[in-house]
Amino acid sequence: MVEDSPPEAYLVVITQTGQREVHRVDRSSMTLGRGAESDLALTNPRVSRRHACLTWDGERFLVQDLGSKNGTRLNGTPVAAPTPIGDGDTLELADSRIQFQTSAPTVTVVLEPRSAAISLDPSKHEVRVRGEPVKLTPKEYRLLTLLFRRAGAVVSHEEIAAEVWPELEGAVTEESIAQVVARLRRKVEEEPANPRYVLTVRGFGYRLDLE
């Protein structure tokens, strides 16, 4: 029987400073690129906005270049067509290195290196606020993960609806979104009524400010 959802897998981004940022593969298709709309957004200016794509075809993971300017390589070999990728393989998007792993990495990872106020370890589904563990509901966790992935950029109501309520196919009111945001703020903000991190961008959506 063919699986529709992908098995456990992780992308480990190795930064130029040697830091390892872990991102869980939580969907059957993920885009990788410099654009804020990418599922895995990279800051490297040599990476194209839509650089590559990782997909689960029901039997195996495949990586595909999306017509990027500087190319995609798998274990040093240019990717010209959808190519199988396995545990321990290394992707190179321009000069950005990403390891593919099918079991949870043993390293403890903070996705946001600029601030110790809020940290997220996707390999454990663990969130810490000012060093203390915080329990989030599934919807609160999905929202925070999305905001982390797009840190600094505005995330629209439509994007939040699709990520937090995938089963509703976008049929989510702004009031429902605001309620989840309010609950999240009560757990991560020192002053929920005067938020420092989870900010409202009126008329557009929300953004995570970790500067």
N, C-alpha and C. Protein backbone atom coordinates (compact mmCIF):
# COMPACT_ATOMS: atom_id res chain seq x y z
N MET A 1 0.84 -1.20 0.00
CA MET A 1 0.00 0.00 0.00
C MET A 1 0.87 1.24 0.00
N VAL A 2 0.58 2.22 -0.85
CA VAL A 2 1.41 3.41 -0.99
C VAL A 2 1.03 4.43 0.08
N GLU A 3 2.03 5.00 0.76
CA GLU A 3 1.79 6.01 1.78
C GLU A 3 1.57 7.37 1.13
N ASP A 4 0.54 8.12 1.59
CA ASP A 4 0.30 9.47 1.09
C ASP A 4 1.15 10.48 1.83
N SER A 5 1.34 10.31 3.12
CA SER A 5 2.15 11.24 3.90
C SER A 5 3.57 10.70 4.01
N PRO A 6 4.56 11.61 4.04
CA PRO A 6 5.96 11.16 4.06
C PRO A 6 6.34 10.58 5.41
N PRO A 7 7.31 9.65 5.44
CA PRO A 7 7.83 9.15 6.71
C PRO A 7 8.72 10.21 7.36
N GLU A 8 9.19 9.91 8.56
CA GLU A 8 10.03 10.86 9.29
C GLU A 8 11.28 11.21 8.49
N ALA A 9 11.53 12.49 8.37
CA ALA A 9 12.71 12.96 7.65
C ALA A 9 13.02 14.39 8.08
N TYR A 10 14.30 14.78 7.93
CA TYR A 10 14.75 16.10 8.36
C TYR A 10 15.74 16.66 7.35
N LEU A 11 15.72 17.99 7.20
CA LEU A 11 16.73 18.71 6.43
C LEU A 11 17.57 19.51 7.41
N VAL A 12 18.88 19.27 7.39
CA VAL A 12 19.79 19.94 8.31
C VAL A 12 20.62 20.94 7.52
N VAL A 13 20.31 22.22 7.69
CA VAL A 13 21.03 23.28 7.00
C VAL A 13 22.31 23.58 7.77
N ILE A 14 23.44 23.51 7.07
CA ILE A 14 24.74 23.80 7.68
C ILE A 14 25.14 25.20 7.26
N THR A 15 25.14 26.13 8.21
CA THR A 15 25.44 27.52 7.89
C THR A 15 26.93 27.73 7.71
N GLN A 16 27.28 28.91 7.24
CA GLN A 16 28.70 29.22 7.01
C GLN A 16 29.48 29.28 8.32
N THR A 17 28.80 29.49 9.43
CA THR A 17 29.48 29.50 10.72
C THR A 17 29.53 28.12 11.36
N GLY A 18 28.98 27.11 10.66
CA GLY A 18 29.00 25.75 11.17
C GLY A 18 27.79 25.37 11.99
N GLN A 19 26.87 26.30 12.19
CA GLN A 19 25.66 25.99 12.94
C GLN A 19 24.78 25.05 12.14
N ARG A 20 24.10 24.14 12.83
CA ARG A 20 23.21 23.17 12.18
C ARG A 20 21.77 23.50 12.54
N GLU A 21 21.00 23.87 11.52
CA GLU A 21 19.59 24.22 11.71
C GLU A 21 18.73 23.08 11.18
N VAL A 22 17.91 22.50 12.05
CA VAL A 22 17.12 21.33 11.68
C VAL A 22 15.70 21.74 11.32
N HIS A 23 15.22 21.23 10.19
CA HIS A 23 13.86 21.49 9.73
C HIS A 23 13.19 20.14 9.44
N ARG A 24 12.09 19.89 10.08
CA ARG A 24 11.38 18.63 9.87
C ARG A 24 10.65 18.67 8.53
N VAL A 25 10.71 17.57 7.78
CA VAL A 25 9.95 17.45 6.53
C VAL A 25 8.55 17.00 6.93
N ASP A 26 7.61 17.95 6.90
CA ASP A 26 6.28 17.67 7.43
C ASP A 26 5.18 17.69 6.37
N ARG A 27 5.58 17.58 5.10
CA ARG A 27 4.60 17.57 4.02
C ARG A 27 5.17 16.79 2.84
N SER A 28 4.32 16.44 1.91
CA SER A 28 4.76 15.59 0.79
C SER A 28 5.53 16.37 -0.27
N SER A 29 5.48 17.70 -0.22
CA SER A 29 6.23 18.51 -1.17
C SER A 29 6.70 19.77 -0.47
N MET A 30 8.01 20.04 -0.54
CA MET A 30 8.59 21.22 0.08
C MET A 30 9.46 21.96 -0.92
N THR A 31 9.24 23.27 -1.03
CA THR A 31 10.10 24.09 -1.88
C THR A 31 11.23 24.67 -1.03
N LEU A 32 12.41 24.77 -1.64
CA LEU A 32 13.59 25.31 -0.98
C LEU A 32 14.07 26.49 -1.79
N GLY A 33 14.30 27.62 -1.14
CA GLY A 33 14.77 28.78 -1.89
C GLY A 33 14.94 30.00 -1.02
N ARG A 34 15.30 31.11 -1.64
CA ARG A 34 15.55 32.36 -0.92
C ARG A 34 14.26 33.14 -0.69
N GLY A 35 13.24 32.85 -1.46
CA GLY A 35 11.99 33.59 -1.33
C GLY A 35 11.27 33.28 -0.04
N ALA A 36 10.60 34.30 0.51
CA ALA A 36 9.87 34.13 1.77
C ALA A 36 8.74 33.13 1.62
N GLU A 37 8.27 32.90 0.39
CA GLU A 37 7.18 31.96 0.18
C GLU A 37 7.65 30.50 0.17
N SER A 38 8.96 30.27 0.20
CA SER A 38 9.48 28.90 0.20
C SER A 38 9.18 28.21 1.53
N ASP A 39 8.96 26.89 1.49
CA ASP A 39 8.72 26.14 2.72
C ASP A 39 9.97 26.11 3.59
N LEU A 40 11.14 26.08 2.95
CA LEU A 40 12.41 26.20 3.67
C LEU A 40 13.14 27.39 3.07
N ALA A 41 13.11 28.52 3.78
CA ALA A 41 13.69 29.76 3.26
C ALA A 41 15.15 29.88 3.69
N LEU A 42 16.03 30.11 2.71
CA LEU A 42 17.46 30.28 2.94
C LEU A 42 17.84 31.74 2.70
N THR A 43 18.81 32.23 3.47
CA THR A 43 19.19 33.64 3.35
C THR A 43 20.34 33.87 2.37
N ASN A 44 20.94 32.81 1.86
CA ASN A 44 22.08 32.94 0.95
C ASN A 44 21.67 33.67 -0.34
N PRO A 45 22.30 34.79 -0.69
CA PRO A 45 21.92 35.54 -1.89
C PRO A 45 22.18 34.79 -3.20
N ARG A 46 23.00 33.74 -3.18
CA ARG A 46 23.27 32.97 -4.40
C ARG A 46 22.21 31.91 -4.64
N VAL A 47 21.32 31.71 -3.66
CA VAL A 47 20.22 30.76 -3.83
C VAL A 47 19.07 31.48 -4.52
N SER A 48 18.46 30.84 -5.51
CA SER A 48 17.33 31.43 -6.23
C SER A 48 16.10 31.47 -5.33
N ARG A 49 15.15 32.33 -5.70
CA ARG A 49 13.94 32.46 -4.87
C ARG A 49 13.18 31.13 -4.79
N ARG A 50 13.05 30.45 -5.91
CA ARG A 50 12.50 29.08 -5.94
C ARG A 50 13.60 28.21 -6.54
N HIS A 51 14.40 27.61 -5.67
CA HIS A 51 15.62 26.95 -6.12
C HIS A 51 15.42 25.46 -6.41
N ALA A 52 14.83 24.74 -5.45
CA ALA A 52 14.69 23.29 -5.59
C ALA A 52 13.43 22.83 -4.87
N CYS A 53 13.09 21.57 -5.08
CA CYS A 53 11.89 21.02 -4.47
C CYS A 53 12.18 19.60 -3.98
N LEU A 54 11.70 19.28 -2.78
CA LEU A 54 11.80 17.93 -2.23
C LEU A 54 10.40 17.34 -2.18
N THR A 55 10.20 16.16 -2.77
CA THR A 55 8.87 15.55 -2.81
C THR A 55 8.92 14.09 -2.38
N TRP A 56 7.81 13.64 -1.84
CA TRP A 56 7.61 12.24 -1.48
C TRP A 56 6.62 11.66 -2.48
N ASP A 57 7.03 10.67 -3.26
CA ASP A 57 6.15 10.14 -4.31
C ASP A 57 5.34 8.93 -3.86
N GLY A 58 5.36 8.66 -2.56
CA GLY A 58 4.64 7.51 -2.04
C GLY A 58 5.54 6.34 -1.75
N GLU A 59 6.75 6.37 -2.30
CA GLU A 59 7.70 5.28 -2.10
C GLU A 59 9.08 5.78 -1.71
N ARG A 60 9.44 6.99 -2.15
CA ARG A 60 10.78 7.51 -1.90
C ARG A 60 10.75 9.03 -2.00
N PHE A 61 11.79 9.67 -1.45
CA PHE A 61 11.95 11.11 -1.58
C PHE A 61 12.73 11.41 -2.86
N LEU A 62 12.33 12.49 -3.52
CA LEU A 62 13.00 12.93 -4.74
C LEU A 62 13.35 14.40 -4.60
N VAL A 63 14.49 14.80 -5.16
CA VAL A 63 14.88 16.21 -5.18
C VAL A 63 14.92 16.66 -6.64
N GLN A 64 14.49 17.89 -6.88
CA GLN A 64 14.44 18.41 -8.24
C GLN A 64 14.86 19.88 -8.24
N ASP A 65 15.69 20.25 -9.19
CA ASP A 65 16.05 21.66 -9.37
C ASP A 65 14.90 22.37 -10.07
N LEU A 66 14.61 23.60 -9.68
CA LEU A 66 13.49 24.35 -10.25
C LEU A 66 13.97 25.44 -11.20
N GLY A 67 15.00 25.13 -11.96
CA GLY A 67 15.52 26.10 -12.92
C GLY A 67 16.33 27.20 -12.25
N SER A 68 17.02 26.85 -11.18
CA SER A 68 17.79 27.85 -10.42
C SER A 68 18.96 28.38 -11.24
N LYS A 69 19.43 29.57 -10.87
CA LYS A 69 20.54 30.19 -11.58
C LYS A 69 21.86 29.47 -11.33
N ASN A 70 22.10 29.05 -10.07
CA ASN A 70 23.39 28.46 -9.71
C ASN A 70 23.35 26.96 -9.50
N GLY A 71 22.21 26.33 -9.78
CA GLY A 71 22.16 24.87 -9.79
C GLY A 71 22.00 24.20 -8.45
N THR A 72 21.61 22.94 -8.53
CA THR A 72 21.46 22.07 -7.35
C THR A 72 22.31 20.84 -7.57
N ARG A 73 23.06 20.42 -6.53
CA ARG A 73 23.88 19.22 -6.63
C ARG A 73 23.52 18.27 -5.50
N LEU A 74 23.53 16.99 -5.79
CA LEU A 74 23.29 15.95 -4.80
C LEU A 74 24.56 15.13 -4.68
N ASN A 75 25.20 15.19 -3.52
CA ASN A 75 26.49 14.51 -3.30
C ASN A 75 27.50 14.89 -4.37
N GLY A 76 27.47 16.17 -4.77
CA GLY A 76 28.43 16.68 -5.74
C GLY A 76 28.02 16.55 -7.19
N THR A 77 26.93 15.83 -7.48
CA THR A 77 26.48 15.62 -8.85
C THR A 77 25.32 16.54 -9.18
N PRO A 78 25.39 17.30 -10.29
CA PRO A 78 24.30 18.20 -10.65
C PRO A 78 22.98 17.43 -10.81
N VAL A 79 21.91 18.04 -10.32
CA VAL A 79 20.57 17.45 -10.43
C VAL A 79 19.90 18.02 -11.67
N ALA A 80 19.67 17.16 -12.66
CA ALA A 80 19.06 17.60 -13.91
C ALA A 80 17.61 17.16 -14.04
N ALA A 81 17.20 16.20 -13.21
CA ALA A 81 15.84 15.66 -13.25
C ALA A 81 15.50 15.18 -11.84
N PRO A 82 14.22 14.90 -11.55
CA PRO A 82 13.88 14.37 -10.21
C PRO A 82 14.76 13.17 -9.86
N THR A 83 15.48 13.27 -8.74
CA THR A 83 16.49 12.29 -8.37
C THR A 83 16.25 11.78 -6.95
N PRO A 84 16.30 10.47 -6.73
CA PRO A 84 16.10 9.93 -5.38
C PRO A 84 17.16 10.46 -4.42
N ILE A 85 16.74 10.74 -3.18
CA ILE A 85 17.64 11.19 -2.14
C ILE A 85 17.43 10.33 -0.91
N GLY A 86 18.53 9.92 -0.27
CA GLY A 86 18.44 9.00 0.86
C GLY A 86 19.15 9.52 2.10
N ASP A 87 19.03 8.76 3.16
CA ASP A 87 19.60 9.13 4.45
C ASP A 87 21.10 9.40 4.34
N GLY A 88 21.53 10.56 4.83
CA GLY A 88 22.94 10.91 4.82
C GLY A 88 23.39 11.66 3.58
N ASP A 89 22.53 11.77 2.58
CA ASP A 89 22.92 12.49 1.36
C ASP A 89 23.03 13.99 1.65
N THR A 90 23.84 14.67 0.84
CA THR A 90 24.05 16.11 1.00
C THR A 90 23.60 16.85 -0.24
N LEU A 91 22.75 17.85 -0.03
CA LEU A 91 22.31 18.74 -1.10
C LEU A 91 23.15 20.01 -1.06
N GLU A 92 23.44 20.53 -2.25
CA GLU A 92 24.10 21.83 -2.35
C GLU A 92 23.24 22.70 -3.24
N LEU A 93 22.70 23.78 -2.67
CA LEU A 93 21.96 24.79 -3.41
C LEU A 93 22.88 25.99 -3.53
N ALA A 94 23.43 26.19 -4.73
CA ALA A 94 24.54 27.14 -4.89
C ALA A 94 25.63 26.70 -3.92
N ASP A 95 26.01 27.53 -2.93
CA ASP A 95 27.02 27.09 -1.97
C ASP A 95 26.43 26.86 -0.58
N SER A 96 25.12 26.66 -0.51
CA SER A 96 24.47 26.29 0.75
C SER A 96 24.40 24.77 0.84
N ARG A 97 24.78 24.22 2.00
CA ARG A 97 24.80 22.76 2.19
C ARG A 97 23.65 22.33 3.10
N ILE A 98 22.97 21.27 2.68
CA ILE A 98 21.84 20.74 3.44
C ILE A 98 21.96 19.22 3.49
N GLN A 99 21.97 18.66 4.68
CA GLN A 99 22.00 17.20 4.83
C GLN A 99 20.58 16.66 4.97
N PHE A 100 20.33 15.51 4.37
CA PHE A 100 19.03 14.85 4.45
C PHE A 100 19.15 13.67 5.41
N GLN A 101 18.27 13.61 6.41
CA GLN A 101 18.32 12.54 7.40
C GLN A 101 16.92 11.97 7.61
N THR A 102 16.86 10.65 7.78
CA THR A 102 15.57 9.99 7.98
C THR A 102 15.34 9.59 9.43
N SER A 103 16.18 10.08 10.33
CA SER A 103 15.94 9.91 11.76
C SER A 103 16.30 11.22 12.44
N ALA A 104 15.71 11.45 13.61
CA ALA A 104 15.90 12.73 14.29
C ALA A 104 17.38 12.98 14.59
N PRO A 105 17.93 14.13 14.18
CA PRO A 105 19.32 14.45 14.50
C PRO A 105 19.52 14.49 16.01
N THR A 106 20.70 14.15 16.44
CA THR A 106 20.98 14.10 17.88
C THR A 106 21.34 15.47 18.44
N VAL A 107 21.60 16.44 17.55
CA VAL A 107 21.97 17.76 18.05
C VAL A 107 20.74 18.52 18.53
N THR A 108 20.94 19.38 19.52
CA THR A 108 19.89 20.28 19.95
C THR A 108 19.98 21.53 19.10
N VAL A 109 18.87 21.93 18.51
CA VAL A 109 18.91 22.99 17.52
C VAL A 109 17.98 24.14 17.91
N VAL A 110 18.48 25.33 17.78
CA VAL A 110 17.66 26.52 17.91
C VAL A 110 17.60 27.15 16.52
N LEU A 111 16.40 27.24 15.95
CA LEU A 111 16.28 27.74 14.59
C LEU A 111 16.56 29.23 14.49
N GLU A 112 16.45 29.93 15.59
CA GLU A 112 16.61 31.38 15.56
C GLU A 112 17.86 31.75 16.35
N PRO A 113 18.99 31.97 15.67
CA PRO A 113 20.24 32.20 16.37
C PRO A 113 20.39 33.60 16.96
N ARG A 114 19.51 34.52 16.57
CA ARG A 114 19.71 35.91 17.00
C ARG A 114 19.16 36.19 18.39
N SER A 115 18.26 35.38 18.88
CA SER A 115 17.61 35.67 20.16
C SER A 115 17.41 34.41 20.95
N ALA A 116 17.66 34.49 22.26
CA ALA A 116 17.44 33.33 23.11
C ALA A 116 16.06 33.38 23.75
N ALA A 117 15.25 34.40 23.41
CA ALA A 117 13.95 34.55 24.04
C ALA A 117 13.03 33.39 23.69
N ILE A 118 12.97 33.02 22.43
CA ILE A 118 12.13 31.92 21.97
C ILE A 118 12.98 30.99 21.12
N SER A 119 12.97 29.71 21.43
CA SER A 119 13.70 28.73 20.63
C SER A 119 12.79 27.56 20.32
N LEU A 120 13.09 26.89 19.22
CA LEU A 120 12.26 25.78 18.76
C LEU A 120 13.15 24.66 18.26
N ASP A 121 12.94 23.46 18.78
CA ASP A 121 13.67 22.27 18.36
C ASP A 121 12.68 21.34 17.67
N PRO A 122 12.62 21.36 16.32
CA PRO A 122 11.63 20.55 15.61
C PRO A 122 11.84 19.05 15.73
N SER A 123 13.07 18.61 16.05
CA SER A 123 13.31 17.18 16.18
C SER A 123 12.61 16.61 17.41
N LYS A 124 12.31 17.49 18.38
CA LYS A 124 11.63 17.07 19.61
C LYS A 124 10.26 17.70 19.76
N HIS A 125 9.92 18.57 18.81
CA HIS A 125 8.68 19.36 18.94
C HIS A 125 8.71 20.13 20.26
N GLU A 126 9.86 20.69 20.58
CA GLU A 126 10.05 21.36 21.86
C GLU A 126 10.20 22.86 21.66
N VAL A 127 9.47 23.62 22.46
CA VAL A 127 9.54 25.08 22.42
C VAL A 127 10.00 25.56 23.79
N ARG A 128 10.94 26.49 23.80
CA ARG A 128 11.40 27.10 25.04
C ARG A 128 11.25 28.61 24.95
N VAL A 129 10.81 29.20 26.03
CA VAL A 129 10.68 30.64 26.13
C VAL A 129 11.54 31.10 27.29
N ARG A 130 12.55 31.93 26.96
CA ARG A 130 13.53 32.38 27.94
C ARG A 130 14.13 31.20 28.71
N GLY A 131 14.37 30.11 27.96
CA GLY A 131 15.04 28.93 28.51
C GLY A 131 14.13 27.91 29.15
N GLU A 132 12.85 28.24 29.36
CA GLU A 132 11.93 27.33 30.01
C GLU A 132 11.02 26.65 28.99
N PRO A 133 10.81 25.32 29.12
CA PRO A 133 9.93 24.62 28.17
C PRO A 133 8.49 25.11 28.28
N VAL A 134 7.82 25.21 27.15
CA VAL A 134 6.44 25.67 27.09
C VAL A 134 5.63 24.65 26.28
N LYS A 135 4.48 24.27 26.80
CA LYS A 135 3.62 23.33 26.09
C LYS A 135 2.64 24.09 25.21
N LEU A 136 2.64 23.75 23.93
CA LEU A 136 1.72 24.36 22.98
C LEU A 136 0.75 23.31 22.46
N THR A 137 -0.44 23.76 22.10
CA THR A 137 -1.38 22.87 21.42
C THR A 137 -0.88 22.66 19.99
N PRO A 138 -1.38 21.64 19.28
CA PRO A 138 -0.94 21.43 17.90
C PRO A 138 -1.11 22.66 17.01
N LYS A 139 -2.22 23.36 17.15
CA LYS A 139 -2.44 24.55 16.32
C LYS A 139 -1.48 25.67 16.68
N GLU A 140 -1.24 25.86 17.98
CA GLU A 140 -0.28 26.88 18.41
C GLU A 140 1.12 26.53 17.91
N TYR A 141 1.48 25.25 17.95
CA TYR A 141 2.81 24.82 17.50
C TYR A 141 2.96 25.03 15.99
N ARG A 142 1.93 24.67 15.22
CA ARG A 142 2.00 24.88 13.77
C ARG A 142 2.15 26.35 13.44
N LEU A 143 1.42 27.20 14.15
CA LEU A 143 1.52 28.63 13.91
C LEU A 143 2.91 29.15 14.22
N LEU A 144 3.45 28.77 15.38
CA LEU A 144 4.78 29.24 15.75
C LEU A 144 5.83 28.73 14.77
N THR A 145 5.72 27.48 14.35
CA THR A 145 6.68 26.93 13.39
C THR A 145 6.64 27.71 12.08
N LEU A 146 5.44 28.04 11.61
CA LEU A 146 5.30 28.82 10.37
C LEU A 146 5.93 30.20 10.55
N LEU A 147 5.67 30.85 11.65
CA LEU A 147 6.25 32.17 11.89
C LEU A 147 7.77 32.10 12.00
N PHE A 148 8.30 31.04 12.61
CA PHE A 148 9.75 30.85 12.69
C PHE A 148 10.34 30.70 11.29
N ARG A 149 9.67 29.88 10.48
CA ARG A 149 10.18 29.61 9.13
C ARG A 149 10.22 30.88 8.29
N ARG A 150 9.33 31.80 8.61
CA ARG A 150 9.25 33.05 7.85
C ARG A 150 9.68 34.24 8.70
N ALA A 151 10.52 34.00 9.70
CA ALA A 151 10.88 35.02 10.69
C ALA A 151 11.22 36.36 10.03
N GLY A 152 10.53 37.40 10.48
CA GLY A 152 10.76 38.74 9.97
C GLY A 152 9.82 39.13 8.84
N ALA A 153 9.26 38.15 8.15
CA ALA A 153 8.37 38.42 7.02
C ALA A 153 6.91 38.33 7.47
N VAL A 154 6.04 39.06 6.78
CA VAL A 154 4.62 39.02 7.09
C VAL A 154 4.04 37.72 6.56
N VAL A 155 3.30 37.03 7.40
CA VAL A 155 2.61 35.79 7.01
C VAL A 155 1.13 36.11 6.92
N SER A 156 0.54 35.88 5.76
CA SER A 156 -0.85 36.29 5.54
C SER A 156 -1.84 35.40 6.27
N HIS A 157 -3.07 35.89 6.41
CA HIS A 157 -4.13 35.09 7.00
C HIS A 157 -4.35 33.81 6.21
N GLU A 158 -4.25 33.90 4.87
CA GLU A 158 -4.47 32.73 4.03
C GLU A 158 -3.40 31.67 4.27
N GLU A 159 -2.15 32.09 4.42
CA GLU A 159 -1.06 31.15 4.68
C GLU A 159 -1.23 30.48 6.04
N ILE A 160 -1.63 31.27 7.03
CA ILE A 160 -1.83 30.71 8.36
C ILE A 160 -2.97 29.70 8.34
N ALA A 161 -4.06 30.04 7.65
CA ALA A 161 -5.20 29.12 7.57
C ALA A 161 -4.79 27.80 6.95
N ALA A 162 -4.00 27.85 5.87
CA ALA A 162 -3.59 26.63 5.18
C ALA A 162 -2.66 25.79 6.03
N GLU A 163 -1.80 26.43 6.83
CA GLU A 163 -0.81 25.71 7.63
C GLU A 163 -1.41 25.15 8.92
N VAL A 164 -2.23 25.94 9.58
CA VAL A 164 -2.73 25.57 10.91
C VAL A 164 -3.99 24.71 10.83
N TRP A 165 -4.79 24.95 9.77
CA TRP A 165 -6.02 24.16 9.59
C TRP A 165 -6.00 23.51 8.21
N PRO A 166 -5.05 22.62 7.91
CA PRO A 166 -4.97 22.04 6.56
C PRO A 166 -6.22 21.26 6.17
N GLU A 167 -6.94 20.74 7.17
CA GLU A 167 -8.13 19.94 6.90
C GLU A 167 -9.30 20.78 6.42
N LEU A 168 -9.26 22.11 6.61
CA LEU A 168 -10.38 22.98 6.24
C LEU A 168 -10.19 23.66 4.89
N GLU A 169 -9.05 23.43 4.26
CA GLU A 169 -8.77 23.95 2.92
C GLU A 169 -9.00 25.46 2.82
N GLY A 170 -8.54 26.18 3.84
CA GLY A 170 -8.60 27.63 3.79
C GLY A 170 -9.87 28.26 4.31
N ALA A 171 -10.88 27.46 4.65
CA ALA A 171 -12.16 28.00 5.13
C ALA A 171 -12.07 28.33 6.62
N VAL A 172 -11.26 29.34 6.94
CA VAL A 172 -11.01 29.72 8.34
C VAL A 172 -11.20 31.23 8.46
N THR A 173 -11.91 31.66 9.48
CA THR A 173 -12.14 33.09 9.68
C THR A 173 -10.93 33.76 10.33
N GLU A 174 -10.83 35.07 10.11
CA GLU A 174 -9.74 35.82 10.75
C GLU A 174 -9.91 35.82 12.26
N GLU A 175 -11.14 35.72 12.72
CA GLU A 175 -11.38 35.66 14.17
C GLU A 175 -10.78 34.39 14.77
N SER A 176 -10.93 33.26 14.06
CA SER A 176 -10.36 32.00 14.55
C SER A 176 -8.84 32.10 14.61
N ILE A 177 -8.25 32.72 13.59
CA ILE A 177 -6.80 32.91 13.57
C ILE A 177 -6.37 33.79 14.74
N ALA A 178 -7.11 34.88 14.95
CA ALA A 178 -6.76 35.80 16.04
C ALA A 178 -6.83 35.11 17.40
N GLN A 179 -7.76 34.17 17.56
CA GLN A 179 -7.88 33.46 18.83
C GLN A 179 -6.65 32.59 19.10
N VAL A 180 -6.15 31.90 18.05
CA VAL A 180 -4.95 31.08 18.22
C VAL A 180 -3.74 31.97 18.49
N VAL A 181 -3.66 33.10 17.78
CA VAL A 181 -2.57 34.05 18.01
C VAL A 181 -2.59 34.54 19.45
N ALA A 182 -3.78 34.85 19.95
CA ALA A 182 -3.90 35.34 21.33
C ALA A 182 -3.43 34.29 22.33
N ARG A 183 -3.81 33.03 22.09
CA ARG A 183 -3.39 31.96 23.00
C ARG A 183 -1.88 31.76 22.95
N LEU A 184 -1.31 31.85 21.75
CA LEU A 184 0.14 31.71 21.60
C LEU A 184 0.85 32.85 22.34
N ARG A 185 0.34 34.06 22.20
CA ARG A 185 0.96 35.20 22.87
C ARG A 185 0.96 35.03 24.39
N ARG A 186 -0.11 34.46 24.92
CA ARG A 186 -0.18 34.27 26.37
C ARG A 186 0.92 33.33 26.87
N LYS A 187 1.46 32.49 25.97
CA LYS A 187 2.47 31.52 26.36
C LYS A 187 3.91 31.97 26.07
N VAL A 188 4.07 32.90 25.12
CA VAL A 188 5.44 33.27 24.73
C VAL A 188 5.79 34.72 25.03
N GLU A 189 4.77 35.57 25.28
CA GLU A 189 5.03 36.98 25.52
C GLU A 189 5.05 37.28 27.02
N GLU A 190 5.92 38.19 27.42
CA GLU A 190 5.91 38.65 28.81
C GLU A 190 4.69 39.52 29.08
N GLU A 191 4.30 40.31 28.07
CA GLU A 191 3.10 41.14 28.16
C GLU A 191 2.24 40.86 26.94
N PRO A 192 1.35 39.86 27.03
CA PRO A 192 0.53 39.48 25.86
C PRO A 192 -0.27 40.64 25.26
N ALA A 193 -0.70 41.58 26.09
CA ALA A 193 -1.47 42.71 25.59
C ALA A 193 -0.58 43.72 24.85
N ASN A 194 0.71 43.63 25.07
CA ASN A 194 1.68 44.51 24.40
C ASN A 194 2.79 43.63 23.83
N PRO A 195 2.47 42.83 22.78
CA PRO A 195 3.40 41.80 22.29
C PRO A 195 4.70 42.38 21.76
N ARG A 196 5.77 41.65 22.03
CA ARG A 196 7.11 42.03 21.55
C ARG A 196 7.54 41.19 20.36
N TYR A 197 7.05 39.95 20.29
CA TYR A 197 7.54 39.02 19.27
C TYR A 197 6.50 38.70 18.19
N VAL A 198 5.31 38.28 18.60
CA VAL A 198 4.25 37.93 17.63
C VAL A 198 3.44 39.20 17.36
N LEU A 199 3.73 39.83 16.23
CA LEU A 199 3.19 41.15 15.93
C LEU A 199 2.09 41.09 14.87
N THR A 200 1.10 41.95 15.03
CA THR A 200 0.01 42.07 14.07
C THR A 200 0.40 43.08 13.00
N VAL A 201 0.20 42.72 11.74
CA VAL A 201 0.35 43.66 10.63
C VAL A 201 -1.05 43.86 10.06
N ARG A 202 -1.70 44.93 10.47
CA ARG A 202 -3.12 45.12 10.20
C ARG A 202 -3.43 45.08 8.71
N GLY A 203 -4.44 44.30 8.40
CA GLY A 203 -4.87 44.17 7.01
C GLY A 203 -4.13 43.11 6.23
N PHE A 204 -3.06 42.54 6.81
CA PHE A 204 -2.24 41.58 6.09
C PHE A 204 -2.11 40.25 6.85
N GLY A 205 -1.68 40.31 8.12
CA GLY A 205 -1.47 39.06 8.86
C GLY A 205 -0.61 39.29 10.07
N TYR A 206 0.41 38.44 10.23
CA TYR A 206 1.26 38.49 11.43
C TYR A 206 2.71 38.24 11.03
N ARG A 207 3.62 38.65 11.90
CA ARG A 207 5.03 38.34 11.69
C ARG A 207 5.71 38.11 13.03
N LEU A 208 6.81 37.36 12.99
CA LEU A 208 7.59 37.08 14.19
C LEU A 208 8.82 37.97 14.18
N ASP A 209 8.95 38.82 15.19
CA ASP A 209 10.08 39.74 15.30
C ASP A 209 11.03 39.22 16.37
N LEU A 210 12.20 38.73 15.95
CA LEU A 210 13.18 38.20 16.88
C LEU A 210 14.47 39.01 16.89
N GLU A 211 14.38 40.23 16.34
CA GLU A 211 15.58 41.09 16.36
C GLU A 211 15.86 41.54 17.79
